[in-house]
Amino acid sequence: MVFQNAIHESINMAEDILTMKISTEYSHDSFVTLFPGDCLKFLSSIPNESANLIVTSPPYNIGKKYERKKLLAEYIAGQEKTIFQCVRLLSQRGSICWQVGNHVDGQEIYPIDILLYPIFKKFGLKLRNRIIWHFEHGLHCSKRFSGRYETILWFTKSDDYIFNLDYVRVPQKYPGKKYFKGPKAGEYSCNPLGKNPGDLWIIPNVKHNHPEKTIHPCQFPIELIERLVLALTNSGDLVIDPYMGVGTSAIAAILHNRRAAGAEIMEEYIQKARERIIDTFNGNIKRRPMDRPVYQPDPSLAVARPPGKKLNDIKLF
């Protein structure tokens, strides 16, 4: 019993030490900051040009419990205030990545990235990519095609920006391909580290059976942010998320030795983010690895076959 108590005390002490790494107010010396409150108040507390990456997914103004649905013009004006603060605290070599979907009003959709693009240009930022994040699962629509993608607008402040392509290369489709003519004829033509992943990213979204699923209804996957963290920052850099949610961007930063800071207004999300960050420090965060291929169902499973079909009826390629 004494031994068990000692173990529990040791575990509690370890968690206390980890919790001390998580500050509620921004400081340059804090490895992780979780600000429980409004993002504008949080961002205004950070000095100019402190962040090397600002990555976030703001509310879409569709009436989720963490937002108050507003007139579209009012929503855009609020986003402009947040973007202004983000530009102020972005370093000269830094990047802003705004991951958004659509605002839906009745049967009409409004693509948020298109609505926000003029604001980023107004503040002098340069668009490097409009990345399409494609996923296979989501709500099924009956009066329009079901939405299966969202976008990431990647902006930089200058033409001299951090871009570590080699850290995020993906396997070549034809790694044995060779030059067939010219001075390099017979030599391999592919980069041995892999190919550029392009601007269409196929990454599963976080649904009920995803290992990262939490209480948040619109949670993005860790691997989506990991790719941005690895490509657009260096070790020790600061990653900021104005709308932190359950801490996904902070986890992606911590996994690769970056500092993290963010704000969240929902108390239950802050608590869940804290738990997940401590799990990350401890090395037991539940996650889908970056290099895992997209799942393909086994045709031998009944659920993967049309009703009434047997395995012998399915043509396999």
Foldseek 3Di string as FASTA:
>chain_A
DVVVVVVVVVVVVLLVVVVVLEDQADDLPRLEYEHADALLVRLVRAAFQQFQEEEEEDDQLADDPQDDRDDPVVVLVVVLSNVVSVNRRHHQQHKYKYKYAWHDDPPDTDQVCVVNVVSCVVVPKDWDAWAKEFADDDDCDDPDHDDGIITITMIHNDPNYFFDQLQQAAADPCQQDFDCDDPRHPPGPADPSHHRPDRYHYDHADDDPFQQDDPDPHDGALLVLLSVPRGGDDAAGEYEYAAQFQNSNCLSQVLRRYGYYYYHNDPVSSVNNSVQVSCSVVVNRGHDDNRDDDDDDDLCDPVNDDPPDHSVNDDDD
